[in-house]
Structure formats: C-alpha cells, structure tokens
PDB file of N, CA and C in Angstrom:
ATOM      1  N   MET A   1     -44.817 -16.641 -69.616  1.00  0.00           N
ATOM      2  CA  MET A   1     -43.383 -16.750 -69.684  1.00  0.00           C
ATOM      3  C   MET A   1     -42.945 -16.450 -71.118  1.00  0.00           C
ATOM      4  N   SER A   2     -41.958 -15.601 -71.239  1.00  0.00           N
ATOM      5  CA  SER A   2     -41.428 -15.216 -72.586  1.00  0.00           C
ATOM      6  C   SER A   2     -39.953 -15.604 -72.692  1.00  0.00           C
ATOM      7  N   ALA A   3     -39.484 -15.703 -73.907  1.00  0.00           N
ATOM      8  CA  ALA A   3     -38.070 -16.032 -74.151  1.00  0.00           C
ATOM      9  C   ALA A   3     -37.613 -15.249 -75.363  1.00  0.00           C
ATOM     10  N   ALA A   4     -36.349 -14.753 -75.292  1.00  0.00           N
ATOM     11  CA  ALA A   4     -35.726 -14.037 -76.402  1.00  0.00           C
ATOM     12  C   ALA A   4     -34.251 -14.302 -76.443  1.00  0.00           C
ATOM     13  N   ARG A   5     -33.699 -14.357 -77.614  1.00  0.00           N
ATOM     14  CA  ARG A   5     -32.253 -14.508 -77.842  1.00  0.00           C
ATOM     15  C   ARG A   5     -31.770 -13.223 -78.483  1.00  0.00           C
ATOM     16  N   PHE A   6     -30.665 -12.700 -77.946  1.00  0.00           N
ATOM     17  CA  PHE A   6     -30.070 -11.467 -78.426  1.00  0.00           C
ATOM     18  C   PHE A   6     -28.663 -11.750 -78.904  1.00  0.00           C
ATOM     19  N   PHE A   7     -28.252 -11.085 -79.996  1.00  0.00           N
ATOM     20  CA  PHE A   7     -26.905 -11.102 -80.480  1.00  0.00           C
ATOM     21  C   PHE A   7     -26.430  -9.656 -80.422  1.00  0.00           C
ATOM     22  N   VAL A   8     -25.318  -9.452 -79.662  1.00  0.00           N
ATOM     23  CA  VAL A   8     -24.822  -8.104 -79.425  1.00  0.00           C
ATOM     24  C   VAL A   8     -23.467  -7.973 -80.102  1.00  0.00           C
ATOM     25  N   ALA A   9     -23.335  -6.988 -80.986  1.00  0.00           N
ATOM     26  CA  ALA A   9     -22.055  -6.787 -81.717  1.00  0.00           C
ATOM     27  C   ALA A   9     -21.471  -5.467 -81.353  1.00  0.00           C
ATOM     28  N   GLY A  10     -20.176  -5.356 -81.436  1.00  0.00           N
ATOM     29  CA  GLY A  10     -19.414  -4.129 -81.095  1.00  0.00           C
ATOM     30  C   GLY A  10     -18.250  -4.506 -80.264  1.00  0.00           C
ATOM     31  N   LYS A  11     -17.870  -3.594 -79.377  1.00  0.00           N
ATOM     32  CA  LYS A  11     -16.831  -3.901 -78.393  1.00  0.00           C
ATOM     33  C   LYS A  11     -17.513  -4.506 -77.183  1.00  0.00           C
ATOM     34  N   VAL A  12     -17.730  -5.822 -77.245  1.00  0.00           N
ATOM     35  CA  VAL A  12     -18.537  -6.476 -76.217  1.00  0.00           C
ATOM     36  C   VAL A  12     -17.820  -7.655 -75.565  1.00  0.00           C
ATOM     37  N   GLN A  13     -16.598  -7.953 -76.031  1.00  0.00           N
ATOM     38  CA  GLN A  13     -15.823  -8.993 -75.373  1.00  0.00           C
ATOM     39  C   GLN A  13     -14.634  -8.360 -74.693  1.00  0.00           C
ATOM     40  N   GLY A  14     -14.292  -8.830 -73.463  1.00  0.00           N
ATOM     41  CA  GLY A  14     -13.182  -8.284 -72.708  1.00  0.00           C
ATOM     42  C   GLY A  14     -13.540  -6.990 -71.994  1.00  0.00           C
ATOM     43  N   VAL A  15     -14.828  -6.701 -71.851  1.00  0.00           N
ATOM     44  CA  VAL A  15     -15.280  -5.458 -71.195  1.00  0.00           C
ATOM     45  C   VAL A  15     -16.311  -5.757 -70.098  1.00  0.00           C
ATOM     46  N   TRP A  16     -16.316  -6.992 -69.576  1.00  0.00           N
ATOM     47  CA  TRP A  16     -17.240  -7.439 -68.542  1.00  0.00           C
ATOM     48  C   TRP A  16     -18.710  -7.419 -69.011  1.00  0.00           C
ATOM     49  N   PHE A  17     -18.933  -7.592 -70.300  1.00  0.00           N
ATOM     50  CA  PHE A  17     -20.308  -7.574 -70.837  1.00  0.00           C
ATOM     51  C   PHE A  17     -21.115  -8.725 -70.307  1.00  0.00           C
ATOM     52  N   ARG A  18     -20.575  -9.957 -70.395  1.00  0.00           N
ATOM     53  CA  ARG A  18     -21.330 -11.154 -69.985  1.00  0.00           C
ATOM     54  C   ARG A  18     -21.657 -11.102 -68.466  1.00  0.00           C
ATOM     55  N   ALA A  19     -20.659 -10.793 -67.675  1.00  0.00           N
ATOM     56  CA  ALA A  19     -20.881 -10.742 -66.213  1.00  0.00           C
ATOM     57  C   ALA A  19     -21.894  -9.649 -65.858  1.00  0.00           C
ATOM     58  N   SER A  20     -21.762  -8.507 -66.530  1.00  0.00           N
ATOM     59  CA  SER A  20     -22.735  -7.390 -66.263  1.00  0.00           C
ATOM     60  C   SER A  20     -24.121  -7.792 -66.748  1.00  0.00           C
ATOM     61  N   ALA A  21     -24.227  -8.456 -67.884  1.00  0.00           N
ATOM     62  CA  ALA A  21     -25.531  -8.896 -68.378  1.00  0.00           C
ATOM     63  C   ALA A  21     -26.156  -9.899 -67.382  1.00  0.00           C
ATOM     64  N   ARG A  22     -25.293 -10.758 -66.847  1.00  0.00           N
ATOM     65  CA  ARG A  22     -25.803 -11.745 -65.855  1.00  0.00           C
ATOM     66  C   ARG A  22     -26.338 -11.005 -64.635  1.00  0.00           C
ATOM     67  N   GLU A  23     -25.617 -10.009 -64.129  1.00  0.00           N
ATOM     68  CA  GLU A  23     -26.077  -9.247 -62.961  1.00  0.00           C
ATOM     69  C   GLU A  23     -27.426  -8.568 -63.238  1.00  0.00           C
ATOM     70  N   GLN A  24     -27.593  -7.987 -64.440  1.00  0.00           N
ATOM     71  CA  GLN A  24     -28.812  -7.327 -64.820  1.00  0.00           C
ATOM     72  C   GLN A  24     -29.950  -8.364 -64.889  1.00  0.00           C
ATOM     73  N   ALA A  25     -29.696  -9.494 -65.519  1.00  0.00           N
ATOM     74  CA  ALA A  25     -30.720 -10.533 -65.696  1.00  0.00           C
ATOM     75  C   ALA A  25     -31.186 -11.071 -64.376  1.00  0.00           C
ATOM     76  N   ILE A  26     -30.245 -11.345 -63.456  1.00  0.00           N
ATOM     77  CA  ILE A  26     -30.607 -11.847 -62.146  1.00  0.00           C
ATOM     78  C   ILE A  26     -31.437 -10.830 -61.391  1.00  0.00           C
ATOM     79  N   ALA A  27     -31.048  -9.575 -61.436  1.00  0.00           N
ATOM     80  CA  ALA A  27     -31.808  -8.533 -60.787  1.00  0.00           C
ATOM     81  C   ALA A  27     -33.217  -8.409 -61.320  1.00  0.00           C
ATOM     82  N   LEU A  28     -33.406  -8.743 -62.600  1.00  0.00           N
ATOM     83  CA  LEU A  28     -34.724  -8.716 -63.237  1.00  0.00           C
ATOM     84  C   LEU A  28     -35.490 -10.040 -63.087  1.00  0.00           C
ATOM     85  N   GLY A  29     -34.885 -11.036 -62.425  1.00  0.00           N
ATOM     86  CA  GLY A  29     -35.577 -12.284 -62.244  1.00  0.00           C
ATOM     87  C   GLY A  29     -35.605 -13.189 -63.462  1.00  0.00           C
ATOM     88  N   LEU A  30     -34.641 -13.014 -64.334  1.00  0.00           N
ATOM     89  CA  LEU A  30     -34.564 -13.799 -65.584  1.00  0.00           C
ATOM     90  C   LEU A  30     -33.644 -14.981 -65.431  1.00  0.00           C
ATOM     91  N   ARG A  31     -33.830 -15.965 -66.255  1.00  0.00           N
ATOM     92  CA  ARG A  31     -32.886 -17.088 -66.344  1.00  0.00           C
ATOM     93  C   ARG A  31     -32.441 -17.187 -67.818  1.00  0.00           C
ATOM     94  N   GLY A  32     -31.333 -17.883 -68.042  1.00  0.00           N
ATOM     95  CA  GLY A  32     -30.792 -17.989 -69.391  1.00  0.00           C
ATOM     96  C   GLY A  32     -29.264 -18.027 -69.347  1.00  0.00           C
ATOM     97  N   TYR A  33     -28.640 -17.376 -70.326  1.00  0.00           N
ATOM     98  CA  TYR A  33     -27.171 -17.398 -70.381  1.00  0.00           C
ATOM     99  C   TYR A  33     -26.645 -16.203 -71.217  1.00  0.00           C
ATOM    100  N   ALA A  34     -25.363 -15.985 -71.044  1.00  0.00           N
ATOM    101  CA  ALA A  34     -24.612 -15.018 -71.855  1.00  0.00           C
ATOM    102  C   ALA A  34     -23.308 -15.733 -72.286  1.00  0.00           C
ATOM    103  N   ASN A  35     -23.091 -15.821 -73.575  1.00  0.00           N
ATOM    104  CA  ASN A  35     -21.939 -16.502 -74.117  1.00  0.00           C
ATOM    105  C   ASN A  35     -21.176 -15.664 -75.129  1.00  0.00           C
ATOM    106  N   ASN A  36     -19.848 -15.718 -75.071  1.00  0.00           N
ATOM    107  CA  ASN A  36     -19.045 -15.121 -76.121  1.00  0.00           C
ATOM    108  C   ASN A  36     -19.131 -16.023 -77.379  1.00  0.00           C
ATOM    109  N   LEU A  37     -19.251 -15.409 -78.536  1.00  0.00           N
ATOM    110  CA  LEU A  37     -19.193 -16.138 -79.769  1.00  0.00           C
ATOM    111  C   LEU A  37     -17.882 -15.926 -80.462  1.00  0.00           C
ATOM    112  N   ARG A  38     -17.458 -16.874 -81.296  1.00  0.00           N
ATOM    113  CA  ARG A  38     -16.158 -16.806 -81.931  1.00  0.00           C
ATOM    114  C   ARG A  38     -15.986 -15.584 -82.859  1.00  0.00           C
ATOM    115  N   ASP A  39     -17.114 -15.060 -83.352  1.00  0.00           N
ATOM    116  CA  ASP A  39     -17.070 -13.897 -84.254  1.00  0.00           C
ATOM    117  C   ASP A  39     -16.969 -12.571 -83.536  1.00  0.00           C
ATOM    118  N   GLY A  40     -16.860 -12.605 -82.188  1.00  0.00           N
ATOM    119  CA  GLY A  40     -16.701 -11.369 -81.418  1.00  0.00           C
ATOM    120  C   GLY A  40     -17.992 -10.853 -80.824  1.00  0.00           C
ATOM    121  N   ARG A  41     -19.140 -11.464 -81.168  1.00  0.00           N
ATOM    122  CA  ARG A  41     -20.412 -11.024 -80.584  1.00  0.00           C
ATOM    123  C   ARG A  41     -20.615 -11.757 -79.258  1.00  0.00           C
ATOM    124  N   VAL A  42     -21.654 -11.293 -78.544  1.00  0.00           N
ATOM    125  CA  VAL A  42     -22.158 -11.977 -77.342  1.00  0.00           C
ATOM    126  C   VAL A  42     -23.554 -12.382 -77.592  1.00  0.00           C
ATOM    127  N   GLU A  43     -23.879 -13.602 -77.257  1.00  0.00           N
ATOM    128  CA  GLU A  43     -25.217 -14.161 -77.386  1.00  0.00           C
ATOM    129  C   GLU A  43     -25.825 -14.196 -75.971  1.00  0.00           C
ATOM    130  N   VAL A  44     -27.061 -13.670 -75.880  1.00  0.00           N
ATOM    131  CA  VAL A  44     -27.738 -13.663 -74.575  1.00  0.00           C
ATOM    132  C   VAL A  44     -29.111 -14.317 -74.803  1.00  0.00           C
ATOM    133  N   LEU A  45     -29.432 -15.313 -73.964  1.00  0.00           N
ATOM    134  CA  LEU A  45     -30.761 -15.926 -73.974  1.00  0.00           C
ATOM    135  C   LEU A  45     -31.419 -15.478 -72.643  1.00  0.00           C
ATOM    136  N   ALA A  46     -32.592 -14.930 -72.728  1.00  0.00           N
ATOM    137  CA  ALA A  46     -33.324 -14.488 -71.534  1.00  0.00           C
ATOM    138  C   ALA A  46     -34.727 -15.118 -71.529  1.00  0.00           C
ATOM    139  N   VAL A  47     -35.110 -15.665 -70.370  1.00  0.00           N
ATOM    140  CA  VAL A  47     -36.394 -16.265 -70.203  1.00  0.00           C
ATOM    141  C   VAL A  47     -37.004 -15.758 -68.907  1.00  0.00           C
ATOM    142  N   GLY A  48     -38.278 -15.310 -69.007  1.00  0.00           N
ATOM    143  CA  GLY A  48     -38.969 -14.830 -67.849  1.00  0.00           C
ATOM    144  C   GLY A  48     -40.087 -13.899 -68.238  1.00  0.00           C
ATOM    145  N   ASP A  49     -40.398 -12.955 -67.372  1.00  0.00           N
ATOM    146  CA  ASP A  49     -41.446 -11.970 -67.602  1.00  0.00           C
ATOM    147  C   ASP A  49     -41.107 -11.093 -68.813  1.00  0.00           C
ATOM    148  N   ALA A  50     -42.112 -10.905 -69.668  1.00  0.00           N
ATOM    149  CA  ALA A  50     -41.867 -10.114 -70.926  1.00  0.00           C
ATOM    150  C   ALA A  50     -41.364  -8.712 -70.621  1.00  0.00           C
ATOM    151  N   ALA A  51     -41.895  -8.045 -69.613  1.00  0.00           N
ATOM    152  CA  ALA A  51     -41.473  -6.693 -69.265  1.00  0.00           C
ATOM    153  C   ALA A  51     -39.999  -6.683 -68.791  1.00  0.00           C
ATOM    154  N   ALA A  52     -39.580  -7.739 -68.059  1.00  0.00           N
ATOM    155  CA  ALA A  52     -38.230  -7.832 -67.598  1.00  0.00           C
ATOM    156  C   ALA A  52     -37.300  -8.057 -68.813  1.00  0.00           C
ATOM    157  N   ILE A  53     -37.704  -8.849 -69.769  1.00  0.00           N
ATOM    158  CA  ILE A  53     -36.893  -9.066 -70.950  1.00  0.00           C
ATOM    159  C   ILE A  53     -36.725  -7.742 -71.723  1.00  0.00           C
ATOM    160  N   GLU A  54     -37.778  -6.951 -71.795  1.00  0.00           N
ATOM    161  CA  GLU A  54     -37.689  -5.650 -72.443  1.00  0.00           C
ATOM    162  C   GLU A  54     -36.701  -4.750 -71.744  1.00  0.00           C
ATOM    163  N   ARG A  55     -36.709  -4.777 -70.432  1.00  0.00           N
ATOM    164  CA  ARG A  55     -35.750  -3.964 -69.667  1.00  0.00           C
ATOM    165  C   ARG A  55     -34.349  -4.462 -69.899  1.00  0.00           C
ATOM    166  N   LEU A  56     -34.123  -5.786 -69.990  1.00  0.00           N
ATOM    167  CA  LEU A  56     -32.801  -6.300 -70.297  1.00  0.00           C
ATOM    168  C   LEU A  56     -32.406  -5.872 -71.718  1.00  0.00           C
ATOM    169  N   ALA A  57     -33.313  -5.926 -72.636  1.00  0.00           N
ATOM    170  CA  ALA A  57     -33.008  -5.501 -74.037  1.00  0.00           C
ATOM    171  C   ALA A  57     -32.563  -4.056 -74.064  1.00  0.00           C
ATOM    172  N   GLN A  58     -33.184  -3.193 -73.302  1.00  0.00           N
ATOM    173  CA  GLN A  58     -32.749  -1.783 -73.232  1.00  0.00           C
ATOM    174  C   GLN A  58     -31.344  -1.701 -72.693  1.00  0.00           C
ATOM    175  N   TRP A  59     -31.024  -2.487 -71.660  1.00  0.00           N
ATOM    176  CA  TRP A  59     -29.687  -2.448 -71.098  1.00  0.00           C
ATOM    177  C   TRP A  59     -28.680  -3.005 -72.106  1.00  0.00           C
ATOM    178  N   LEU A  60     -29.028  -4.078 -72.796  1.00  0.00           N
ATOM    179  CA  LEU A  60     -28.122  -4.680 -73.769  1.00  0.00           C
ATOM    180  C   LEU A  60     -27.817  -3.726 -74.913  1.00  0.00           C
ATOM    181  N   SER A  61     -28.680  -2.760 -75.209  1.00  0.00           N
ATOM    182  CA  SER A  61     -28.429  -1.824 -76.296  1.00  0.00           C
ATOM    183  C   SER A  61     -27.269  -0.882 -76.000  1.00  0.00           C
ATOM    184  N   HIS A  62     -26.805  -0.835 -74.764  1.00  0.00           N
ATOM    185  CA  HIS A  62     -25.596   0.000 -74.467  1.00  0.00           C
ATOM    186  C   HIS A  62     -24.605  -0.757 -73.592  1.00  0.00           C
ATOM    187  N   GLY A  63     -25.022  -1.689 -72.786  1.00  0.00           N
ATOM    188  CA  GLY A  63     -24.125  -2.538 -71.994  1.00  0.00           C
ATOM    189  C   GLY A  63     -23.420  -1.777 -70.914  1.00  0.00           C
ATOM    190  N   PRO A  64     -22.317  -2.375 -70.340  1.00  0.00           N
ATOM    191  CA  PRO A  64     -21.597  -1.734 -69.263  1.00  0.00           C
ATOM    192  C   PRO A  64     -20.742  -0.584 -69.782  1.00  0.00           C
ATOM    193  N   PRO A  65     -20.199   0.237 -68.894  1.00  0.00           N
ATOM    194  CA  PRO A  65     -19.499   1.442 -69.300  1.00  0.00           C
ATOM    195  C   PRO A  65     -18.386   1.288 -70.355  1.00  0.00           C
ATOM    196  N   MET A  66     -17.584   0.212 -70.261  1.00  0.00           N
ATOM    197  CA  MET A  66     -16.467   0.069 -71.225  1.00  0.00           C
ATOM    198  C   MET A  66     -16.860  -0.545 -72.543  1.00  0.00           C
ATOM    199  N   ALA A  67     -18.105  -0.963 -72.684  1.00  0.00           N
ATOM    200  CA  ALA A  67     -18.596  -1.600 -73.910  1.00  0.00           C
ATOM    201  C   ALA A  67     -19.021  -0.530 -74.932  1.00  0.00           C
ATOM    202  N   ARG A  68     -19.060  -0.953 -76.184  1.00  0.00           N
ATOM    203  CA  ARG A  68     -19.661  -0.168 -77.246  1.00  0.00           C
ATOM    204  C   ARG A  68     -20.526  -1.097 -78.106  1.00  0.00           C
ATOM    205  N   VAL A  69     -21.828  -0.885 -78.047  1.00  0.00           N
ATOM    206  CA  VAL A  69     -22.755  -1.761 -78.763  1.00  0.00           C
ATOM    207  C   VAL A  69     -23.050  -1.093 -80.145  1.00  0.00           C
ATOM    208  N   ASP A  70     -22.682  -1.804 -81.189  1.00  0.00           N
ATOM    209  CA  ASP A  70     -22.916  -1.312 -82.575  1.00  0.00           C
ATOM    210  C   ASP A  70     -24.229  -1.870 -83.119  1.00  0.00           C
ATOM    211  N   ARG A  71     -24.595  -3.032 -82.674  1.00  0.00           N
ATOM    212  CA  ARG A  71     -25.792  -3.703 -83.203  1.00  0.00           C
ATOM    213  C   ARG A  71     -26.383  -4.671 -82.238  1.00  0.00           C
ATOM    214  N   LEU A  72     -27.702  -4.665 -82.082  1.00  0.00           N
ATOM    215  CA  LEU A  72     -28.393  -5.607 -81.214  1.00  0.00           C
ATOM    216  C   LEU A  72     -29.503  -6.245 -82.027  1.00  0.00           C
ATOM    217  N   VAL A  73     -29.435  -7.578 -82.178  1.00  0.00           N
ATOM    218  CA  VAL A  73     -30.428  -8.328 -82.918  1.00  0.00           C
ATOM    219  C   VAL A  73     -31.212  -9.178 -81.945  1.00  0.00           C
ATOM    220  N   ARG A  74     -32.503  -9.199 -82.091  1.00  0.00           N
ATOM    221  CA  ARG A  74     -33.364 -10.017 -81.215  1.00  0.00           C
ATOM    222  C   ARG A  74     -34.114 -11.042 -82.027  1.00  0.00           C
ATOM    223  N   GLU A  75     -34.175 -12.256 -81.489  1.00  0.00           N
ATOM    224  CA  GLU A  75     -34.904 -13.373 -82.103  1.00  0.00           C
ATOM    225  C   GLU A  75     -35.809 -14.010 -81.068  1.00  0.00           C
ATOM    226  N   ASP A  76     -36.857 -14.628 -81.497  1.00  0.00           N
ATOM    227  CA  ASP A  76     -37.658 -15.435 -80.572  1.00  0.00           C
ATOM    228  C   ASP A  76     -36.851 -16.629 -80.146  1.00  0.00           C
ATOM    229  N   ALA A  77     -37.146 -17.139 -78.949  1.00  0.00           N
ATOM    230  CA  ALA A  77     -36.466 -18.311 -78.425  1.00  0.00           C
ATOM    231  C   ALA A  77     -37.490 -19.166 -77.681  1.00  0.00           C
ATOM    232  N   ARG A  78     -37.109 -20.323 -77.293  1.00  0.00           N
ATOM    233  CA  ARG A  78     -37.953 -21.212 -76.506  1.00  0.00           C
ATOM    234  C   ARG A  78     -37.446 -21.246 -75.063  1.00  0.00           C
ATOM    235  N   GLU A  79     -38.399 -21.179 -74.120  1.00  0.00           N
ATOM    236  CA  GLU A  79     -37.965 -21.167 -72.727  1.00  0.00           C
ATOM    237  C   GLU A  79     -37.241 -22.426 -72.310  1.00  0.00           C
ATOM    238  N   GLU A  80     -37.470 -23.516 -72.992  1.00  0.00           N
ATOM    239  CA  GLU A  80     -36.789 -24.775 -72.633  1.00  0.00           C
ATOM    240  C   GLU A  80     -35.277 -24.715 -72.859  1.00  0.00           C
ATOM    241  N   GLU A  81     -34.811 -23.726 -73.589  1.00  0.00           N
ATOM    242  CA  GLU A  81     -33.387 -23.626 -73.875  1.00  0.00           C
ATOM    243  C   GLU A  81     -32.592 -23.098 -72.691  1.00  0.00           C
ATOM    244  N   ALA A  82     -33.240 -22.563 -71.683  1.00  0.00           N
ATOM    245  CA  ALA A  82     -32.546 -21.953 -70.534  1.00  0.00           C
ATOM    246  C   ALA A  82     -32.501 -22.927 -69.338  1.00  0.00           C
ATOM    247  N   SER A  83     -31.442 -22.818 -68.579  1.00  0.00           N
ATOM    248  CA  SER A  83     -31.347 -23.596 -67.340  1.00  0.00           C
ATOM    249  C   SER A  83     -32.221 -22.880 -66.289  1.00  0.00           C
ATOM    250  N   GLU A  84     -32.125 -23.350 -65.039  1.00  0.00           N
ATOM    251  CA  GLU A  84     -32.911 -22.761 -63.959  1.00  0.00           C
ATOM    252  C   GLU A  84     -32.296 -21.499 -63.401  1.00  0.00           C
ATOM    253  N   ALA A  85     -31.147 -21.098 -63.876  1.00  0.00           N
ATOM    254  CA  ALA A  85     -30.458 -19.913 -63.408  1.00  0.00           C
ATOM    255  C   ALA A  85     -30.001 -19.097 -64.616  1.00  0.00           C
ATOM    256  N   PHE A  86     -29.253 -18.017 -64.358  1.00  0.00           N
ATOM    257  CA  PHE A  86     -28.654 -17.286 -65.479  1.00  0.00           C
ATOM    258  C   PHE A  86     -27.141 -17.494 -65.323  1.00  0.00           C
ATOM    259  N   VAL A  87     -26.536 -18.043 -66.391  1.00  0.00           N
ATOM    260  CA  VAL A  87     -25.132 -18.416 -66.332  1.00  0.00           C
ATOM    261  C   VAL A  87     -24.332 -17.767 -67.462  1.00  0.00           C
ATOM    262  N   CYS A  88     -23.041 -17.665 -67.240  1.00  0.00           N
ATOM    263  CA  CYS A  88     -22.154 -17.155 -68.287  1.00  0.00           C
ATOM    264  C   CYS A  88     -21.328 -18.340 -68.791  1.00  0.00           C
ATOM    265  N   GLY A  89     -21.211 -18.463 -70.099  1.00  0.00           N
ATOM    266  CA  GLY A  89     -20.457 -19.548 -70.709  1.00  0.00           C
ATOM    267  C   GLY A  89     -19.110 -19.108 -71.129  1.00  0.00           C
TER     268      GLY A  89
END
C-alpha cells in the first residue's frame, strides 16, 4: 500500500477539479480525499496501489477540461490519513 499527497496549483477551483479527481481515484481503486485550500490550490491525498497513484498523478497534471494546472507538487503521506473511501471536502 502506498500513499501520496498532491498540491495542485493553477485554475483548479470552480472547474469541477475535486469531483473529477474523486471519479478518477474511485475508478483506480484509491481512497483519500480532495480538498480546496484557501490559497486557491487543491490538495489530494491518495492511498492504494502505487501504480494507481502514478496514474492519478498523471491525470492530476492536467485535470478536467476546464482546469489549467500550473504546478503539481507531490509529497509522501501516511495511509492512516485516509478514510475508507475517497471523499471531497
């Protein structure tokens, strides 16, 4: 089991980024969350198979059609930080 936290900057709020990230994560069998941050970024925590997290990271680098991703930062995370599902905050 792997875990990663992503911070996505750009035009990522108000463009269905969190909901779309949730759909991608669920399709990949991941658990975790996607939250808007006050500074305009989106934080995504993903826990599950390492290959699935990599696929989510690739998707996060561009996001849904109306989004514009300027920067994607990845950090290590602990799997205990995620709930049993993937939720949007």
